N, C-alpha and C. Protein backbone atom coordinates (compact mmCIF):
# COMPACT_ATOMS: atom_id res chain seq x y z
N MET A 1 18.93 5.89 22.55
CA MET A 1 18.49 6.58 21.64
C MET A 1 16.83 6.45 21.70
N SER A 2 15.88 7.18 21.89
CA SER A 2 14.53 7.06 21.80
C SER A 2 13.91 6.24 20.95
N ALA A 3 12.91 5.69 21.42
CA ALA A 3 12.05 4.81 19.85
C ALA A 3 11.04 5.85 18.99
N LEU A 4 11.49 5.63 17.90
CA LEU A 4 10.60 6.00 16.72
C LEU A 4 9.02 5.53 17.00
N ILE A 5 9.05 4.04 16.65
CA ILE A 5 7.59 3.68 17.00
C ILE A 5 7.43 2.93 18.09
N GLU A 6 6.68 2.49 18.57
CA GLU A 6 6.14 2.40 20.01
C GLU A 6 4.96 1.49 19.92
N LEU A 7 4.95 0.00 19.93
CA LEU A 7 3.95 -0.39 20.11
C LEU A 7 3.80 -1.25 22.02
N ALA A 8 2.45 -1.45 22.60
CA ALA A 8 2.41 -1.71 23.60
C ALA A 8 0.78 -2.68 23.84
N GLY A 9 1.27 -3.37 24.52
CA GLY A 9 0.12 -4.60 24.72
C GLY A 9 -0.74 -4.84 23.16
N VAL A 10 -0.19 -4.82 22.11
CA VAL A 10 -0.79 -5.07 20.74
C VAL A 10 -1.35 -6.51 20.60
N THR A 11 -2.86 -6.30 20.29
CA THR A 11 -3.36 -7.84 19.86
C THR A 11 -3.88 -7.15 18.29
N LYS A 12 -3.94 -8.34 17.34
CA LYS A 12 -4.62 -7.51 16.56
C LYS A 12 -5.43 -9.20 15.92
N VAL A 13 -6.95 -8.97 16.09
CA VAL A 13 -8.03 -10.35 16.07
C VAL A 13 -8.55 -9.74 14.86
N PHE A 14 -8.43 -11.09 13.47
CA PHE A 14 -9.30 -10.67 12.42
C PHE A 14 -10.67 -11.42 12.67
N HIS A 15 -12.01 -10.88 12.26
CA HIS A 15 -13.04 -11.41 12.28
C HIS A 15 -13.62 -12.05 14.10
N GLU A 16 -13.45 -10.80 14.51
CA GLU A 16 -13.42 -10.94 15.93
C GLU A 16 -14.65 -11.40 16.56
N GLY A 17 -15.16 -12.13 17.50
CA GLY A 17 -16.18 -12.36 17.82
C GLY A 17 -17.28 -13.76 16.88
N GLN A 18 -16.42 -13.75 16.23
CA GLN A 18 -17.15 -14.89 15.36
C GLN A 18 -15.99 -16.28 15.39
N HIS A 19 -17.01 -17.31 14.73
CA HIS A 19 -16.49 -18.49 15.15
C HIS A 19 -14.90 -18.76 14.17
N ASN A 20 -14.77 -18.02 13.37
CA ASN A 20 -13.40 -18.08 12.38
C ASN A 20 -12.46 -16.94 12.95
N ALA A 21 -12.19 -16.67 14.05
CA ALA A 21 -11.64 -15.07 14.87
C ALA A 21 -10.08 -16.04 14.67
N LEU A 22 -9.45 -14.88 13.99
CA LEU A 22 -8.15 -15.37 13.92
C LEU A 22 -7.22 -14.25 15.19
N VAL A 23 -6.35 -14.90 15.76
CA VAL A 23 -5.70 -13.84 16.39
C VAL A 23 -4.28 -13.76 15.68
N ALA A 24 -3.91 -12.70 15.16
CA ALA A 24 -2.80 -13.07 14.19
C ALA A 24 -1.50 -12.40 15.31
N LEU A 25 -1.83 -11.24 16.17
CA LEU A 25 -0.62 -10.78 16.96
C LEU A 25 -1.36 -11.04 18.17
N CYS A 26 -0.31 -10.75 19.22
CA CYS A 26 -1.09 -11.39 20.53
C CYS A 26 -0.06 -10.99 21.94
N ASP A 27 -0.55 -9.53 22.47
CA ASP A 27 0.15 -8.98 23.44
C ASP A 27 1.88 -8.43 22.76
N VAL A 28 2.07 -7.72 22.16
CA VAL A 28 2.97 -7.30 21.48
C VAL A 28 3.65 -6.23 22.08
N ASP A 29 4.61 -6.36 22.91
CA ASP A 29 5.51 -4.95 23.01
C ASP A 29 6.81 -4.63 21.99
N LEU A 30 6.77 -3.35 21.67
CA LEU A 30 8.24 -3.51 20.71
C LEU A 30 8.57 -2.16 20.76
N ALA A 31 9.73 -1.31 20.66
CA ALA A 31 10.20 -0.18 20.12
C ALA A 31 11.51 -0.92 19.18
N LEU A 32 11.27 0.70 17.93
CA LEU A 32 12.17 0.29 17.28
C LEU A 32 12.50 2.08 16.92
N GLU A 33 14.12 1.86 17.00
CA GLU A 33 14.67 2.80 17.04
C GLU A 33 14.57 3.87 15.61
N ALA A 34 15.23 5.22 15.81
CA ALA A 34 15.02 5.81 14.51
C ALA A 34 16.66 5.16 13.79
N GLY A 35 16.76 5.43 12.32
CA GLY A 35 17.78 5.05 11.90
C GLY A 35 18.42 3.75 11.81
N ARG A 36 17.43 2.86 11.38
CA ARG A 36 18.15 1.62 11.73
C ARG A 36 17.27 0.39 10.77
N ILE A 37 17.70 -0.51 10.45
CA ILE A 37 17.33 -1.41 9.48
C ILE A 37 16.85 -2.58 10.27
N THR A 38 15.47 -3.20 10.37
CA THR A 38 15.12 -3.84 11.35
C THR A 38 14.23 -4.68 10.20
N VAL A 39 14.62 -6.10 10.68
CA VAL A 39 13.71 -7.01 9.88
C VAL A 39 12.82 -8.31 10.59
N LEU A 40 11.81 -8.19 10.57
CA LEU A 40 10.95 -8.90 10.92
C LEU A 40 10.54 -10.09 10.75
N GLN A 41 11.16 -11.41 11.34
CA GLN A 41 11.26 -12.37 10.70
C GLN A 41 10.20 -13.67 11.46
N GLY A 42 9.75 -14.33 10.35
CA GLY A 42 9.48 -15.87 10.82
C GLY A 42 8.44 -16.55 10.02
N PRO A 43 8.40 -17.91 10.30
CA PRO A 43 7.33 -18.43 9.34
C PRO A 43 6.22 -17.97 8.52
N SER A 44 5.64 -18.47 7.85
CA SER A 44 4.43 -18.04 7.42
C SER A 44 3.52 -18.30 8.24
N GLY A 45 2.53 -17.67 8.72
CA GLY A 45 1.42 -17.31 9.65
C GLY A 45 2.12 -16.86 11.00
N SER A 46 3.49 -16.24 10.97
CA SER A 46 3.49 -16.11 12.42
C SER A 46 3.36 -14.56 12.66
N GLY A 47 2.86 -13.94 11.92
CA GLY A 47 2.37 -12.31 12.07
C GLY A 47 3.02 -11.78 11.61
N LYS A 48 4.06 -11.67 11.01
CA LYS A 48 5.11 -10.36 10.59
C LYS A 48 4.29 -9.64 9.77
N SER A 49 3.55 -9.83 8.66
CA SER A 49 2.98 -9.36 7.44
C SER A 49 2.15 -8.90 8.68
N THR A 50 1.28 -8.96 9.06
CA THR A 50 0.38 -8.05 10.27
C THR A 50 1.10 -7.16 11.01
N LEU A 51 2.07 -7.30 11.63
CA LEU A 51 2.94 -6.59 12.56
C LEU A 51 3.56 -5.41 11.86
N LEU A 52 3.61 -5.67 10.43
CA LEU A 52 4.43 -4.69 9.71
C LEU A 52 3.19 -3.73 9.19
N SER A 53 2.04 -4.07 8.82
CA SER A 53 0.86 -3.15 8.74
C SER A 53 0.65 -2.53 9.89
N VAL A 54 0.59 -3.14 11.12
CA VAL A 54 0.31 -2.41 12.30
C VAL A 54 1.31 -0.82 12.50
N LEU A 55 2.78 -1.57 12.54
CA LEU A 55 3.61 -0.33 12.64
C LEU A 55 3.72 0.72 11.41
N GLY A 56 3.46 0.50 10.15
CA GLY A 56 2.97 1.49 9.30
C GLY A 56 1.87 2.29 9.37
N CYS A 57 1.13 1.70 10.12
CA CYS A 57 -0.47 2.20 10.14
C CYS A 57 -1.41 1.94 9.27
N LEU A 58 -1.29 0.77 8.32
CA LEU A 58 -1.79 0.00 7.67
C LEU A 58 -3.07 -0.65 8.37
N ALA A 59 -2.69 -0.82 9.47
CA ALA A 59 -4.25 -1.66 9.91
C ALA A 59 -4.19 -1.20 11.79
N ARG A 60 -5.23 -1.42 12.37
CA ARG A 60 -5.50 -0.78 13.56
C ARG A 60 -5.32 -2.00 14.68
N PRO A 61 -4.42 -1.77 15.27
CA PRO A 61 -4.61 -3.16 16.56
C PRO A 61 -5.81 -3.04 16.91
N THR A 62 -6.55 -4.51 17.49
CA THR A 62 -7.68 -4.83 18.18
C THR A 62 -8.02 -4.06 19.32
N SER A 63 -6.38 -4.08 20.07
CA SER A 63 -6.52 -3.37 21.43
C SER A 63 -4.69 -3.34 21.44
N GLY A 64 -4.18 -2.57 22.36
CA GLY A 64 -2.96 -1.75 22.78
C GLY A 64 -2.91 -0.65 21.93
N ARG A 65 -1.91 -0.24 22.25
CA ARG A 65 -1.51 1.44 21.68
C ARG A 65 -0.15 1.25 20.99
N VAL A 66 -0.40 2.28 19.87
CA VAL A 66 0.91 2.25 19.10
C VAL A 66 0.89 3.86 18.87
N ARG A 67 2.50 3.89 19.21
CA ARG A 67 2.84 5.43 19.30
C ARG A 67 4.03 5.77 17.97
N VAL A 68 3.89 6.68 17.20
CA VAL A 68 4.74 7.23 16.27
C VAL A 68 5.49 8.69 16.54
N ALA A 69 6.34 8.84 16.78
CA ALA A 69 7.41 9.74 17.41
C ALA A 69 6.60 10.47 18.21
N GLY A 70 6.17 9.56 19.19
CA GLY A 70 5.56 10.00 20.53
C GLY A 70 3.93 10.07 20.66
N GLU A 71 3.65 10.11 19.30
CA GLU A 71 2.02 10.33 19.49
C GLU A 71 1.28 9.22 19.27
N VAL A 72 0.12 9.18 19.71
CA VAL A 72 -0.64 7.73 19.88
C VAL A 72 -1.01 8.27 18.54
N VAL A 73 -1.03 7.14 17.69
CA VAL A 73 -1.95 6.82 16.61
C VAL A 73 -2.76 5.79 16.50
N SER A 74 -2.79 4.83 17.19
CA SER A 74 -3.91 3.91 17.39
C SER A 74 -5.41 4.24 17.35
N ASN A 75 -5.63 5.37 17.78
CA ASN A 75 -7.14 5.60 18.13
C ASN A 75 -7.32 6.85 17.33
N LEU A 76 -6.54 7.53 16.18
CA LEU A 76 -7.01 8.34 15.08
C LEU A 76 -7.76 7.86 14.31
N PRO A 77 -8.49 9.16 14.16
CA PRO A 77 -9.89 8.86 12.93
C PRO A 77 -9.06 8.39 11.79
N GLU A 78 -9.71 7.89 10.66
CA GLU A 78 -8.86 7.68 9.54
C GLU A 78 -8.27 8.73 8.58
N ALA A 79 -9.30 9.90 8.44
CA ALA A 79 -8.51 10.65 7.88
C ALA A 79 -6.88 11.48 8.26
N PHE A 80 -7.08 11.27 9.75
CA PHE A 80 -5.89 11.91 10.36
C PHE A 80 -4.98 10.67 10.08
N LEU A 81 -4.94 9.48 10.69
CA LEU A 81 -3.94 8.31 10.63
C LEU A 81 -3.52 8.19 8.57
N ALA A 82 -4.51 8.64 7.92
CA ALA A 82 -4.06 8.71 6.54
C ALA A 82 -2.70 9.69 6.22
N ASP A 83 -3.08 11.03 7.08
CA ASP A 83 -2.20 11.55 6.86
C ASP A 83 -0.74 11.46 7.62
N VAL A 84 -0.89 10.90 8.84
CA VAL A 84 0.23 10.35 9.43
C VAL A 84 0.99 9.20 8.53
N ARG A 85 0.35 8.80 7.53
CA ARG A 85 1.40 7.62 7.03
C ARG A 85 1.85 8.22 5.92
N ARG A 86 1.22 9.25 5.18
CA ARG A 86 1.98 10.09 4.00
C ARG A 86 2.63 10.86 4.37
N ARG A 87 2.82 11.26 5.41
CA ARG A 87 4.14 12.27 5.93
C ARG A 87 5.08 11.65 6.32
N THR A 88 4.67 9.94 7.01
CA THR A 88 6.07 9.25 7.59
C THR A 88 6.70 8.09 7.06
N PHE A 89 5.49 7.28 6.44
CA PHE A 89 5.87 5.97 5.87
C PHE A 89 6.02 6.27 3.97
N GLY A 90 7.00 5.28 3.71
CA GLY A 90 6.83 5.17 2.30
C GLY A 90 6.99 3.49 2.20
N PHE A 91 6.33 2.86 1.34
CA PHE A 91 5.35 1.38 1.27
C PHE A 91 6.41 0.85 -0.23
N VAL A 92 7.00 -0.41 0.24
CA VAL A 92 7.42 -1.07 -1.34
C VAL A 92 6.61 -2.57 -0.52
N PHE A 93 5.58 -2.83 -1.47
CA PHE A 93 5.01 -4.04 -1.49
C PHE A 93 5.46 -4.98 -1.91
N GLN A 94 5.17 -6.53 -1.81
CA GLN A 94 5.40 -8.16 -2.22
C GLN A 94 5.58 -7.87 -3.73
N GLN A 95 4.30 -7.09 -3.87
CA GLN A 95 4.02 -7.49 -5.71
C GLN A 95 4.28 -5.61 -6.00
N PHE A 96 4.67 -5.11 -5.79
CA PHE A 96 5.22 -3.78 -6.22
C PHE A 96 3.65 -3.28 -6.53
N HIS A 97 2.48 -3.56 -6.70
CA HIS A 97 1.27 -2.50 -7.32
C HIS A 97 1.02 -1.70 -8.12
N LEU A 98 2.37 -1.54 -8.90
CA LEU A 98 2.94 -0.56 -9.87
C LEU A 98 1.42 -0.42 -10.75
N ILE A 99 0.80 0.70 -11.42
CA ILE A 99 -0.23 0.75 -12.31
C ILE A 99 0.40 0.48 -14.16
N GLY A 100 -0.01 -0.58 -14.83
CA GLY A 100 0.54 -0.92 -15.68
C GLY A 100 -0.16 -0.13 -16.61
N GLY A 101 0.51 0.68 -17.99
CA GLY A 101 -0.46 1.48 -18.87
C GLY A 101 0.51 2.62 -18.32
N LEU A 102 0.95 2.87 -17.68
CA LEU A 102 1.39 4.12 -16.65
C LEU A 102 3.04 4.20 -17.12
N SER A 103 3.82 5.18 -17.31
CA SER A 103 5.36 5.13 -17.40
C SER A 103 6.20 4.99 -15.98
N ALA A 104 7.23 4.63 -15.66
CA ALA A 104 7.89 4.68 -14.62
C ALA A 104 7.51 5.81 -13.78
N ARG A 105 7.84 7.38 -14.46
CA ARG A 105 7.57 8.62 -13.99
C ARG A 105 6.44 8.78 -13.05
N THR A 106 5.52 8.32 -13.69
CA THR A 106 3.89 8.66 -13.45
C THR A 106 3.67 7.64 -12.10
N ASN A 107 3.86 6.35 -11.99
CA ASN A 107 3.83 5.66 -11.05
C ASN A 107 4.59 6.12 -9.90
N VAL A 108 5.71 6.60 -10.08
CA VAL A 108 6.59 7.27 -8.86
C VAL A 108 5.72 8.91 -8.32
N MET A 109 5.55 9.33 -9.03
CA MET A 109 4.33 10.68 -9.23
C MET A 109 3.04 10.48 -8.21
N LEU A 110 2.62 9.68 -8.53
CA LEU A 110 1.30 9.67 -7.96
C LEU A 110 1.07 9.89 -6.48
N PRO A 111 2.05 8.86 -5.20
CA PRO A 111 1.53 9.39 -4.02
C PRO A 111 1.70 10.66 -3.55
N ALA A 112 2.21 11.62 -4.48
CA ALA A 112 2.48 13.00 -4.12
C ALA A 112 1.37 13.74 -4.20
N TYR A 113 0.66 13.80 -5.36
CA TYR A 113 -0.43 14.72 -5.77
C TYR A 113 -1.14 14.99 -4.67
N PRO A 114 -1.76 14.19 -3.32
CA PRO A 114 -2.30 14.76 -2.02
C PRO A 114 -1.33 16.20 -1.20
N THR A 115 -0.56 15.64 -1.72
CA THR A 115 0.53 16.77 -0.61
C THR A 115 0.43 18.31 -1.25
N GLY A 116 -0.06 18.32 -2.32
CA GLY A 116 -0.53 19.77 -2.58
C GLY A 116 0.67 20.61 -3.51
N ARG A 117 1.74 19.43 -3.72
CA ARG A 117 2.74 20.09 -4.40
C ARG A 117 2.38 20.42 -5.93
N THR A 118 3.46 21.24 -6.96
CA THR A 118 2.87 21.37 -7.89
C THR A 118 3.42 20.16 -9.12
N HIS A 119 2.61 20.03 -10.19
CA HIS A 119 2.82 18.72 -10.92
C HIS A 119 4.24 18.66 -11.31
N SER A 120 5.12 20.05 -11.67
CA SER A 120 6.15 19.99 -12.49
C SER A 120 7.26 20.09 -11.29
N GLU A 121 6.87 20.22 -9.89
CA GLU A 121 7.92 19.72 -8.81
C GLU A 121 7.75 18.19 -8.33
N ILE A 122 6.77 17.68 -8.61
CA ILE A 122 6.44 16.48 -8.43
C ILE A 122 7.35 15.64 -9.54
N ALA A 123 7.14 16.03 -10.69
CA ALA A 123 8.03 15.43 -11.89
C ALA A 123 9.21 15.26 -11.84
N ARG A 124 9.45 15.98 -11.15
CA ARG A 124 11.07 16.55 -10.88
C ARG A 124 11.56 15.91 -10.15
N ARG A 125 10.92 15.41 -8.64
CA ARG A 125 11.25 14.57 -7.62
C ARG A 125 11.47 13.13 -8.32
N ALA A 126 10.70 12.93 -9.05
CA ALA A 126 10.19 11.54 -9.86
C ALA A 126 11.44 11.05 -11.01
N ALA A 127 11.86 11.76 -10.88
CA ALA A 127 12.83 11.91 -11.97
C ALA A 127 14.23 11.92 -11.66
N GLU A 128 14.58 12.71 -10.58
CA GLU A 128 15.73 12.64 -9.69
C GLU A 128 15.60 10.79 -8.88
N LEU A 129 14.95 10.42 -8.73
CA LEU A 129 14.96 9.59 -7.40
C LEU A 129 14.99 8.45 -8.25
N LEU A 130 14.27 8.15 -9.67
CA LEU A 130 14.72 7.20 -10.66
C LEU A 130 16.48 7.24 -11.25
N GLY A 131 16.53 8.29 -11.49
CA GLY A 131 18.07 8.53 -11.91
C GLY A 131 18.78 8.05 -10.69
N GLN A 132 18.65 8.23 -9.27
CA GLN A 132 19.59 7.58 -8.13
C GLN A 132 19.44 6.17 -8.21
N LEU A 133 18.56 6.34 -8.84
CA LEU A 133 18.60 4.53 -8.46
C LEU A 133 18.95 3.67 -9.62
N GLY A 134 19.33 4.25 -10.72
CA GLY A 134 20.01 3.96 -11.80
C GLY A 134 19.18 3.46 -13.07
N LEU A 135 17.87 4.65 -13.19
CA LEU A 135 16.51 4.32 -13.98
C LEU A 135 16.63 5.64 -14.82
N GLU A 136 17.33 6.25 -15.29
CA GLU A 136 17.34 7.70 -15.83
C GLU A 136 16.76 7.39 -17.48
N LYS A 137 17.13 6.21 -17.77
CA LYS A 137 17.24 6.00 -19.35
C LYS A 137 15.84 5.44 -19.35
N LEU A 138 15.09 5.10 -18.41
CA LEU A 138 13.85 4.28 -18.41
C LEU A 138 12.84 5.33 -17.77
N THR A 139 12.82 6.43 -17.34
CA THR A 139 11.67 7.30 -17.04
C THR A 139 10.47 7.22 -17.44
N ASP A 140 10.49 7.19 -18.95
CA ASP A 140 9.16 7.34 -19.50
C ASP A 140 8.72 6.02 -20.49
N ALA A 141 9.40 4.63 -19.70
CA ALA A 141 9.05 3.70 -20.02
C ALA A 141 7.66 3.03 -19.55
N ARG A 142 7.11 2.46 -20.12
CA ARG A 142 5.71 1.54 -19.16
C ARG A 142 6.22 0.47 -18.51
N VAL A 143 5.92 0.34 -17.17
CA VAL A 143 6.00 -0.27 -16.26
C VAL A 143 6.35 -1.82 -16.73
N GLU A 144 5.14 -2.28 -17.34
CA GLU A 144 5.08 -3.59 -17.74
C GLU A 144 6.20 -3.84 -18.39
N TRP A 145 6.71 -3.30 -19.26
CA TRP A 145 8.06 -3.28 -20.31
C TRP A 145 9.46 -3.71 -19.30
N LEU A 146 9.00 -3.31 -17.69
CA LEU A 146 10.54 -3.34 -17.00
C LEU A 146 10.69 -4.83 -16.50
N SER A 147 11.95 -5.37 -16.18
CA SER A 147 12.05 -6.35 -15.55
C SER A 147 11.97 -6.19 -13.83
N GLY A 148 12.07 -7.58 -13.39
CA GLY A 148 11.88 -7.62 -12.21
C GLY A 148 12.46 -6.23 -11.12
N GLY A 149 13.59 -6.54 -11.29
CA GLY A 149 14.53 -5.92 -10.39
C GLY A 149 14.49 -4.06 -10.87
N GLU A 150 14.22 -3.76 -11.75
CA GLU A 150 13.43 -2.46 -12.39
C GLU A 150 12.46 -2.07 -11.93
N GLN A 151 11.53 -3.11 -11.73
CA GLN A 151 9.94 -2.60 -11.10
C GLN A 151 10.54 -2.33 -9.63
N GLN A 152 11.13 -2.99 -9.04
CA GLN A 152 11.31 -2.96 -7.62
C GLN A 152 12.04 -2.06 -7.56
N ARG A 153 13.18 -1.04 -7.99
CA ARG A 153 13.37 0.09 -8.28
C ARG A 153 12.37 1.10 -8.29
N VAL A 154 11.66 1.19 -8.98
CA VAL A 154 10.44 1.97 -9.31
C VAL A 154 9.65 2.05 -8.06
N ALA A 155 9.32 0.84 -7.64
CA ALA A 155 8.78 0.67 -6.48
C ALA A 155 9.08 1.58 -5.11
N ILE A 156 10.77 1.29 -5.06
CA ILE A 156 11.41 1.91 -3.69
C ILE A 156 11.13 3.87 -3.95
N ALA A 157 11.88 4.10 -5.68
CA ALA A 157 11.17 5.57 -5.79
C ALA A 157 10.10 6.28 -5.50
N ARG A 158 8.69 5.17 -5.74
CA ARG A 158 7.45 5.37 -5.40
C ARG A 158 7.07 5.91 -3.68
N ALA A 159 8.28 4.98 -3.06
CA ALA A 159 8.22 5.00 -1.57
C ALA A 159 8.83 6.16 -0.95
N LEU A 160 9.88 6.54 -1.51
CA LEU A 160 10.55 7.88 -1.44
C LEU A 160 9.73 9.47 -1.78
N ILE A 161 9.12 9.00 -2.68
CA ILE A 161 8.52 10.48 -3.52
C ILE A 161 8.25 11.51 -2.65
N ASN A 162 7.76 10.92 -1.11
CA ASN A 162 6.95 12.30 0.08
C ASN A 162 8.36 12.22 1.04
N ASP A 163 9.16 12.11 0.31
CA ASP A 163 10.40 11.99 1.57
C ASP A 163 10.07 11.24 2.87
N PRO A 164 9.72 10.28 3.05
CA PRO A 164 9.34 9.59 4.25
C PRO A 164 10.43 9.23 5.34
N ARG A 165 10.14 9.43 6.63
CA ARG A 165 10.92 9.05 7.78
C ARG A 165 11.25 7.67 7.65
N VAL A 166 9.99 6.72 7.67
CA VAL A 166 10.33 5.52 7.42
C VAL A 166 10.04 4.34 6.56
N VAL A 167 11.15 3.73 6.03
CA VAL A 167 10.43 2.78 4.35
C VAL A 167 9.94 1.79 5.19
N ILE A 168 8.79 1.03 4.39
CA ILE A 168 8.80 -0.58 4.97
C ILE A 168 8.02 -1.11 3.47
N ALA A 169 9.11 -2.53 3.72
CA ALA A 169 8.67 -3.54 2.46
C ALA A 169 8.70 -5.13 3.56
N ASP A 170 7.55 -5.08 2.49
CA ASP A 170 7.29 -6.68 2.53
C ASP A 170 7.22 -7.59 2.14
N GLU A 171 8.17 -8.56 2.48
CA GLU A 171 8.96 -9.74 1.52
C GLU A 171 9.58 -9.20 0.64
N PRO A 172 10.75 -8.50 0.72
CA PRO A 172 11.40 -7.54 -0.82
C PRO A 172 12.10 -8.44 -1.68
N THR A 173 12.64 -9.50 -0.85
CA THR A 173 13.21 -10.47 -2.02
C THR A 173 12.70 -11.77 -2.58
N ALA A 174 11.08 -11.72 -2.08
CA ALA A 174 10.96 -13.06 -2.40
C ALA A 174 10.89 -13.13 -3.90
N ASN A 175 11.05 -12.40 -4.64
CA ASN A 175 10.68 -12.57 -6.34
C ASN A 175 12.38 -12.04 -7.13
N LEU A 176 13.12 -12.09 -6.01
CA LEU A 176 14.50 -11.49 -6.49
C LEU A 176 15.44 -12.44 -6.89
N ASP A 177 16.71 -12.80 -7.52
CA ASP A 177 17.60 -13.44 -7.60
C ASP A 177 18.55 -13.15 -6.49
N SER A 178 19.94 -13.70 -6.12
CA SER A 178 21.01 -13.25 -5.36
C SER A 178 21.16 -12.41 -5.92
N ALA A 179 21.71 -11.89 -6.68
CA ALA A 179 22.21 -10.73 -7.27
C ALA A 179 21.21 -9.67 -6.68
N LEU A 180 20.28 -9.46 -7.65
CA LEU A 180 19.23 -8.47 -7.42
C LEU A 180 18.63 -8.31 -5.60
N SER A 181 18.67 -9.29 -5.12
CA SER A 181 18.67 -8.72 -3.43
C SER A 181 19.71 -8.27 -2.75
N ALA A 182 20.93 -8.77 -3.45
CA ALA A 182 22.38 -7.71 -2.80
C ALA A 182 21.97 -6.50 -3.39
N GLU A 183 21.74 -6.40 -4.38
CA GLU A 183 21.61 -5.20 -4.73
C GLU A 183 20.37 -4.31 -4.39
N PHE A 184 19.52 -4.66 -3.92
CA PHE A 184 18.34 -4.22 -2.83
C PHE A 184 18.78 -4.22 -1.87
N LEU A 185 19.58 -4.84 -1.02
CA LEU A 185 20.15 -4.56 0.45
C LEU A 185 20.95 -3.48 0.55
N GLY A 186 22.15 -3.35 -0.72
CA GLY A 186 22.88 -2.31 -1.03
C GLY A 186 21.90 -1.20 -1.01
N ILE A 187 20.72 -0.68 -1.87
CA ILE A 187 20.01 0.50 -1.60
C ILE A 187 19.40 0.71 -0.21
N LEU A 188 19.15 -0.35 0.09
CA LEU A 188 18.34 0.02 1.90
C LEU A 188 19.63 0.67 2.75
N ALA A 189 20.62 0.34 2.61
CA ALA A 189 22.10 0.28 3.34
C ALA A 189 22.34 2.04 3.12
N GLY A 190 21.64 2.38 1.70
CA GLY A 190 21.89 4.18 1.26
C GLY A 190 20.79 4.62 2.13
N LEU A 191 19.99 4.38 2.09
CA LEU A 191 18.66 4.87 2.80
C LEU A 191 18.70 5.00 4.26
N ARG A 192 19.30 3.97 4.95
CA ARG A 192 19.91 4.62 6.28
C ARG A 192 21.21 5.49 6.24
N ASP A 193 21.75 5.22 5.58
CA ASP A 193 22.84 6.67 5.86
C ASP A 193 22.25 7.81 5.47
N GLU A 194 21.38 8.20 4.84
CA GLU A 194 20.60 9.48 4.98
C GLU A 194 19.80 9.57 6.07
N GLY A 195 19.89 8.43 6.82
CA GLY A 195 19.07 8.80 8.18
C GLY A 195 17.61 8.12 8.12
N ARG A 196 17.51 7.22 7.09
CA ARG A 196 16.13 7.00 7.39
C ARG A 196 15.73 5.42 8.38
N THR A 197 14.60 5.36 8.17
CA THR A 197 14.38 4.01 9.43
C THR A 197 14.09 3.02 8.14
N VAL A 198 14.83 1.78 8.57
CA VAL A 198 13.93 0.64 7.46
C VAL A 198 13.20 -0.35 8.29
N ILE A 199 12.19 -0.89 8.01
CA ILE A 199 11.73 -2.18 8.45
C ILE A 199 11.14 -2.80 7.16
N MET A 200 11.01 -4.08 7.41
CA MET A 200 10.45 -5.09 6.20
C MET A 200 10.24 -6.44 7.22
N SER A 201 9.45 -6.92 6.67
CA SER A 201 9.14 -8.49 6.94
C SER A 201 10.19 -9.40 5.82
N SER A 202 10.79 -10.60 6.64
CA SER A 202 11.26 -11.46 5.50
C SER A 202 11.38 -12.98 6.09
N HIS A 203 11.58 -13.85 5.46
CA HIS A 203 12.27 -15.72 5.88
C HIS A 203 13.53 -15.77 5.32
N ASP A 204 13.51 -14.73 4.47
CA ASP A 204 14.74 -14.64 3.32
C ASP A 204 16.16 -15.02 4.04
N PRO A 205 16.95 -16.21 4.50
CA PRO A 205 18.45 -15.99 5.31
C PRO A 205 19.06 -14.99 4.35
N ARG A 206 19.15 -14.36 3.20
CA ARG A 206 19.77 -13.47 2.64
C ARG A 206 19.88 -11.96 3.03
N VAL A 207 18.40 -12.10 3.62
CA VAL A 207 18.28 -10.77 4.15
C VAL A 207 18.63 -10.87 5.55
N CYS A 208 18.09 -11.77 6.49
CA CYS A 208 18.20 -11.87 8.07
C CYS A 208 19.36 -11.97 8.59
N GLU A 209 20.08 -12.57 7.57
CA GLU A 209 21.99 -12.31 8.15
C GLU A 209 22.64 -11.51 7.43
N ALA A 210 21.98 -10.52 6.44
CA ALA A 210 22.95 -10.08 5.76
C ALA A 210 23.30 -8.80 7.11
N ALA A 211 24.84 -8.17 6.52
CA ALA A 211 25.48 -7.40 7.24
C ALA A 211 24.68 -6.08 7.62
N VAL A 212 24.14 -5.51 7.00
CA VAL A 212 23.63 -4.10 6.66
C VAL A 212 21.98 -4.24 7.77
N VAL A 213 21.78 -5.30 8.00
CA VAL A 213 20.75 -5.26 8.92
C VAL A 213 21.07 -5.16 10.63
N ASP A 214 20.32 -4.54 11.11
CA ASP A 214 20.95 -3.64 12.38
C ASP A 214 20.02 -4.64 13.72
N ARG A 215 18.82 -5.03 13.40
CA ARG A 215 18.07 -5.90 14.19
C ARG A 215 17.24 -6.67 13.60
N VAL A 216 16.88 -8.09 14.36
CA VAL A 216 16.12 -9.18 13.59
C VAL A 216 15.39 -9.49 14.72
N VAL A 217 13.85 -9.05 14.74
CA VAL A 217 12.83 -9.09 15.73
C VAL A 217 12.11 -10.67 15.28
N ARG A 218 12.09 -11.67 15.82
CA ARG A 218 11.56 -13.01 15.52
C ARG A 218 10.38 -13.29 16.03
N LEU A 219 9.35 -13.40 14.94
CA LEU A 219 7.64 -13.84 15.69
C LEU A 219 7.34 -15.23 15.34
N LEU A 220 7.09 -15.52 16.48
CA LEU A 220 6.43 -16.94 16.24
C LEU A 220 4.88 -17.35 16.80
N ASP A 221 3.86 -17.50 15.75
CA ASP A 221 2.48 -17.66 16.49
C ASP A 221 1.66 -16.33 16.99
N GLY A 222 2.28 -15.09 16.11
CA GLY A 222 1.68 -14.16 16.75
C GLY A 222 2.25 -13.03 17.61
N LYS A 223 3.73 -13.66 18.09
CA LYS A 223 4.08 -13.32 19.79
C LYS A 223 5.51 -12.71 19.28
N VAL A 224 6.49 -11.79 19.81
CA VAL A 224 7.69 -11.83 19.30
C VAL A 224 8.63 -12.87 20.03
N GLU A 225 9.51 -13.35 20.00
CA GLU A 225 10.40 -14.27 20.72
C GLU A 225 11.15 -13.68 21.50
N ALA A 226 11.39 -13.58 22.78
CA ALA A 226 12.48 -12.81 23.87
C ALA A 226 13.90 -13.48 23.20
């Protein structure tokens, strides 16, 4: 099976050329296949969040090449890179980054407006996704009224609103108890069954050792361990 995302010789340096330069990734070669759940594992400071950002085209490498679906994207202008992100990726952030004062449905709808779809079409899709995640009775509830698990499901629905090929999650179970972590992993398994690719960072053994995970990529000091 050909790789969906490929990294070749990727290095990421923060504050390059300054006295406080930090090498977050060092000469990383990595190929991730479509339709699998991959976990980036490593201790704090190992580079897993930076690698996740590079894989999701949220950060550019200092050197090296990134390909998505065969296209080199690491040297694209930001406007084109934003379009690749919008078409290809859905993001579930560790702190969710939901907008307080807005309903669950409105939060889910926001990433879809730049696509040019009509408001009614986006609203219908948002309600459908929330229903699939068991939140049909909470679509109009303000997100700050929801529990942590409910907020995470809103964040997942938001990540899916543009029908992405790849779902990216950063430390998704860091603030969840065991029951909610298991529920989240079940949702991810369902996404994989739909043909989506899931990439997440975690140092949680409940995630790294879960049966639904197809591959664990271990990082240490900015390098992928053999």
